[in-house]
Amino acid sequence: MTYDFFMRESAKLSFADIMLRLGECEDTWDSNASYAGVYRQIKAQGLESLTAKQRWIYENELKPMSVEKCGFNGTCERPAFPGKYCNMHE
């Protein structure tokens, strides 16, 4: 399942890496989406400030967004920084 790929690969990243990667995506989000509000709250108040529901959104919606498949020539499925190719194809 594709979703498992993003969950697995994002689990390998540090919190700082996740926030850096999500920061690159922020401009493309619907600002009214629940995950956008959770991201803004994390930036302003930290991860500890989240409610259980917000923590679920972080773990299951935001965190997986911090990883994409490379997609080089339509064949590479290695994990990559959002909007970029993997290290092998940069």
N, C-alpha and C. Protein backbone atom coordinates (compact mmCIF):
# COMPACT_ATOMS: atom_id res chain seq x y z
N MET A 1 0.84 -1.18 0.00
CA MET A 1 0.00 0.00 0.00
C MET A 1 0.89 1.25 0.00
N THR A 2 0.57 2.19 -0.84
CA THR A 2 1.37 3.40 -0.98
C THR A 2 1.42 4.20 0.32
N TYR A 3 0.30 4.28 1.02
CA TYR A 3 0.23 5.04 2.27
C TYR A 3 1.28 4.53 3.25
N ASP A 4 1.48 3.21 3.32
CA ASP A 4 2.47 2.63 4.21
C ASP A 4 3.88 3.12 3.90
N PHE A 5 4.18 3.34 2.63
CA PHE A 5 5.49 3.86 2.22
C PHE A 5 5.73 5.21 2.88
N PHE A 6 4.78 6.10 2.80
CA PHE A 6 4.95 7.45 3.35
C PHE A 6 5.02 7.43 4.87
N MET A 7 4.23 6.59 5.51
CA MET A 7 4.28 6.45 6.97
C MET A 7 5.63 5.89 7.40
N ARG A 8 6.09 4.87 6.71
CA ARG A 8 7.36 4.22 7.06
C ARG A 8 8.54 5.16 6.87
N GLU A 9 8.59 5.82 5.73
CA GLU A 9 9.73 6.70 5.44
C GLU A 9 9.73 7.96 6.30
N SER A 10 8.56 8.51 6.59
CA SER A 10 8.52 9.71 7.44
C SER A 10 8.89 9.37 8.88
N ALA A 11 8.67 8.14 9.30
CA ALA A 11 9.04 7.72 10.66
C ALA A 11 10.55 7.71 10.84
N LYS A 12 11.30 7.66 9.77
CA LYS A 12 12.76 7.65 9.83
C LYS A 12 13.34 9.06 10.01
N LEU A 13 12.51 10.09 9.83
CA LEU A 13 12.99 11.47 9.89
C LEU A 13 12.89 12.04 11.29
N SER A 14 13.78 12.98 11.60
CA SER A 14 13.70 13.70 12.87
C SER A 14 12.57 14.72 12.79
N PHE A 15 12.13 15.19 13.94
CA PHE A 15 11.09 16.21 13.98
C PHE A 15 11.54 17.46 13.21
N ALA A 16 12.80 17.86 13.38
CA ALA A 16 13.33 19.05 12.68
C ALA A 16 13.28 18.86 11.17
N ASP A 17 13.64 17.66 10.69
CA ASP A 17 13.58 17.38 9.25
C ASP A 17 12.14 17.43 8.74
N ILE A 18 11.24 16.87 9.50
CA ILE A 18 9.83 16.88 9.10
C ILE A 18 9.32 18.31 8.98
N MET A 19 9.62 19.13 9.97
CA MET A 19 9.15 20.52 9.94
C MET A 19 9.79 21.30 8.78
N LEU A 20 11.06 21.05 8.50
CA LEU A 20 11.73 21.70 7.38
C LEU A 20 11.06 21.32 6.07
N ARG A 21 10.81 20.05 5.89
CA ARG A 21 10.17 19.56 4.67
C ARG A 21 8.75 20.09 4.53
N LEU A 22 7.99 20.10 5.63
CA LEU A 22 6.63 20.60 5.57
C LEU A 22 6.61 22.10 5.26
N GLY A 23 7.61 22.81 5.75
CA GLY A 23 7.72 24.25 5.46
C GLY A 23 7.83 24.53 3.97
N GLU A 24 8.45 23.60 3.25
CA GLU A 24 8.58 23.74 1.79
C GLU A 24 7.24 23.55 1.08
N CYS A 25 6.33 22.83 1.71
CA CYS A 25 5.03 22.51 1.10
C CYS A 25 3.93 23.49 1.51
N GLU A 26 4.16 24.24 2.55
CA GLU A 26 3.11 25.06 3.17
C GLU A 26 2.40 25.97 2.18
N ASP A 27 3.11 26.55 1.22
CA ASP A 27 2.51 27.47 0.26
C ASP A 27 1.49 26.81 -0.66
N THR A 28 1.56 25.50 -0.80
CA THR A 28 0.66 24.80 -1.71
C THR A 28 -0.61 24.31 -1.02
N TRP A 29 -0.69 24.44 0.29
CA TRP A 29 -1.83 23.92 1.05
C TRP A 29 -3.01 24.88 1.03
N ASP A 30 -4.20 24.32 1.20
CA ASP A 30 -5.40 25.10 1.47
C ASP A 30 -5.25 25.61 2.90
N SER A 31 -5.21 26.91 3.09
CA SER A 31 -4.94 27.46 4.43
C SER A 31 -6.04 27.14 5.43
N ASN A 32 -7.20 26.71 4.96
CA ASN A 32 -8.30 26.35 5.86
C ASN A 32 -8.31 24.86 6.21
N ALA A 33 -7.42 24.09 5.63
CA ALA A 33 -7.36 22.66 5.92
C ALA A 33 -6.91 22.43 7.35
N SER A 34 -7.44 21.39 7.98
CA SER A 34 -7.11 21.12 9.38
C SER A 34 -5.61 20.92 9.58
N TYR A 35 -4.95 20.24 8.64
CA TYR A 35 -3.52 20.00 8.80
C TYR A 35 -2.71 21.29 8.72
N ALA A 36 -3.19 22.29 7.95
CA ALA A 36 -2.49 23.57 7.88
C ALA A 36 -2.54 24.29 9.22
N GLY A 37 -3.69 24.24 9.88
CA GLY A 37 -3.81 24.84 11.20
C GLY A 37 -2.95 24.14 12.23
N VAL A 38 -2.89 22.83 12.16
CA VAL A 38 -2.06 22.05 13.09
C VAL A 38 -0.59 22.41 12.86
N TYR A 39 -0.18 22.52 11.61
CA TYR A 39 1.21 22.89 11.30
C TYR A 39 1.54 24.26 11.88
N ARG A 40 0.65 25.22 11.66
CA ARG A 40 0.89 26.57 12.20
C ARG A 40 0.99 26.55 13.72
N GLN A 41 0.16 25.75 14.37
CA GLN A 41 0.21 25.65 15.83
C GLN A 41 1.53 25.03 16.29
N ILE A 42 1.97 24.00 15.61
CA ILE A 42 3.24 23.37 15.97
C ILE A 42 4.38 24.38 15.84
N LYS A 43 4.38 25.14 14.75
CA LYS A 43 5.42 26.15 14.55
C LYS A 43 5.41 27.18 15.67
N ALA A 44 4.23 27.59 16.10
CA ALA A 44 4.12 28.65 17.10
C ALA A 44 4.27 28.14 18.54
N GLN A 45 3.73 26.95 18.83
CA GLN A 45 3.64 26.51 20.22
C GLN A 45 4.30 25.16 20.50
N GLY A 46 4.76 24.49 19.48
CA GLY A 46 5.43 23.20 19.67
C GLY A 46 4.48 22.01 19.62
N LEU A 47 5.06 20.86 19.46
CA LEU A 47 4.33 19.60 19.33
C LEU A 47 3.54 19.27 20.60
N GLU A 48 4.07 19.66 21.74
CA GLU A 48 3.43 19.35 23.03
C GLU A 48 2.09 20.05 23.20
N SER A 49 1.85 21.11 22.44
CA SER A 49 0.61 21.88 22.58
C SER A 49 -0.60 21.22 21.91
N LEU A 50 -0.37 20.14 21.16
CA LEU A 50 -1.46 19.52 20.39
C LEU A 50 -2.38 18.68 21.26
N THR A 51 -3.66 18.72 20.91
CA THR A 51 -4.64 17.83 21.53
C THR A 51 -4.47 16.45 20.91
N ALA A 52 -5.17 15.47 21.42
CA ALA A 52 -5.09 14.11 20.87
C ALA A 52 -5.53 14.09 19.40
N LYS A 53 -6.58 14.81 19.07
CA LYS A 53 -7.06 14.85 17.69
C LYS A 53 -6.04 15.54 16.78
N GLN A 54 -5.45 16.64 17.25
CA GLN A 54 -4.44 17.34 16.46
C GLN A 54 -3.19 16.47 16.29
N ARG A 55 -2.84 15.73 17.32
CA ARG A 55 -1.68 14.84 17.24
C ARG A 55 -1.92 13.77 16.19
N TRP A 56 -3.17 13.26 16.11
CA TRP A 56 -3.52 12.28 15.09
C TRP A 56 -3.32 12.90 13.70
N ILE A 57 -3.76 14.13 13.52
CA ILE A 57 -3.61 14.82 12.23
C ILE A 57 -2.13 14.97 11.89
N TYR A 58 -1.32 15.31 12.89
CA TYR A 58 0.13 15.43 12.65
C TYR A 58 0.71 14.08 12.22
N GLU A 59 0.41 13.03 12.97
CA GLU A 59 1.00 11.71 12.71
C GLU A 59 0.51 11.08 11.40
N ASN A 60 -0.77 11.28 11.06
CA ASN A 60 -1.38 10.57 9.95
C ASN A 60 -1.60 11.40 8.69
N GLU A 61 -1.52 12.71 8.79
CA GLU A 61 -1.68 13.55 7.60
C GLU A 61 -0.44 14.38 7.31
N LEU A 62 0.05 15.11 8.30
CA LEU A 62 1.20 15.98 8.07
C LEU A 62 2.50 15.22 7.87
N LYS A 63 2.82 14.36 8.81
CA LYS A 63 4.10 13.65 8.76
C LYS A 63 4.30 12.91 7.44
N PRO A 64 3.31 12.16 6.95
CA PRO A 64 3.50 11.49 5.65
C PRO A 64 3.70 12.45 4.48
N MET A 65 3.24 13.69 4.61
CA MET A 65 3.44 14.68 3.54
C MET A 65 4.90 15.11 3.42
N SER A 66 5.71 14.78 4.42
CA SER A 66 7.11 15.22 4.42
C SER A 66 7.98 14.34 3.51
N VAL A 67 7.40 13.32 2.90
CA VAL A 67 8.14 12.41 2.02
C VAL A 67 7.36 12.25 0.72
N GLU A 68 8.09 12.23 -0.39
CA GLU A 68 7.50 11.89 -1.68
C GLU A 68 8.36 10.81 -2.32
N LYS A 69 7.80 10.16 -3.31
CA LYS A 69 8.61 9.22 -4.11
C LYS A 69 9.35 10.04 -5.16
N CYS A 70 10.57 9.65 -5.44
CA CYS A 70 11.44 10.40 -6.35
C CYS A 70 10.79 10.64 -7.71
N GLY A 71 10.37 9.60 -8.37
CA GLY A 71 9.70 9.74 -9.66
C GLY A 71 10.61 10.03 -10.84
N PHE A 72 11.93 9.94 -10.69
CA PHE A 72 12.84 10.21 -11.79
C PHE A 72 12.51 9.28 -12.96
N ASN A 73 12.29 9.85 -14.11
CA ASN A 73 11.92 9.10 -15.33
C ASN A 73 10.69 8.22 -15.12
N GLY A 74 9.89 8.53 -14.13
CA GLY A 74 8.68 7.78 -13.87
C GLY A 74 8.91 6.39 -13.28
N THR A 75 10.14 6.10 -12.89
CA THR A 75 10.44 4.75 -12.40
C THR A 75 10.98 4.70 -10.98
N CYS A 76 11.68 5.72 -10.51
CA CYS A 76 12.32 5.67 -9.20
C CYS A 76 11.29 5.87 -8.10
N GLU A 77 11.29 4.97 -7.14
CA GLU A 77 10.36 5.06 -6.02
C GLU A 77 11.08 5.23 -4.70
N ARG A 78 12.31 5.72 -4.75
CA ARG A 78 13.05 5.99 -3.52
C ARG A 78 12.45 7.22 -2.83
N PRO A 79 12.56 7.31 -1.49
CA PRO A 79 12.03 8.48 -0.79
C PRO A 79 12.82 9.73 -1.14
N ALA A 80 12.10 10.85 -1.21
CA ALA A 80 12.73 12.12 -1.58
C ALA A 80 12.09 13.27 -0.82
N PHE A 81 12.82 14.37 -0.76
CA PHE A 81 12.33 15.63 -0.22
C PHE A 81 11.17 16.07 -1.12
N PRO A 82 10.08 16.59 -0.57
CA PRO A 82 8.94 17.00 -1.42
C PRO A 82 9.36 17.95 -2.54
N GLY A 83 8.94 17.62 -3.75
CA GLY A 83 9.22 18.45 -4.92
C GLY A 83 10.61 18.27 -5.51
N LYS A 84 11.37 17.28 -5.02
CA LYS A 84 12.72 17.07 -5.51
C LYS A 84 12.93 15.58 -5.84
N TYR A 85 14.05 15.30 -6.52
CA TYR A 85 14.43 13.92 -6.77
C TYR A 85 15.20 13.38 -5.57
N CYS A 86 15.35 12.08 -5.48
CA CYS A 86 16.14 11.47 -4.41
C CYS A 86 17.61 11.84 -4.59
N ASN A 87 18.42 11.51 -3.58
CA ASN A 87 19.85 11.83 -3.62
C ASN A 87 20.56 11.20 -4.81
N MET A 88 20.10 10.04 -5.23
CA MET A 88 20.72 9.35 -6.35
C MET A 88 20.50 10.09 -7.69
N HIS A 89 19.40 10.84 -7.82
CA HIS A 89 19.05 11.47 -9.09
C HIS A 89 19.13 12.99 -9.10
N GLU A 90 19.63 13.59 -8.04
CA GLU A 90 19.72 15.06 -8.02
C GLU A 90 20.70 15.57 -9.02
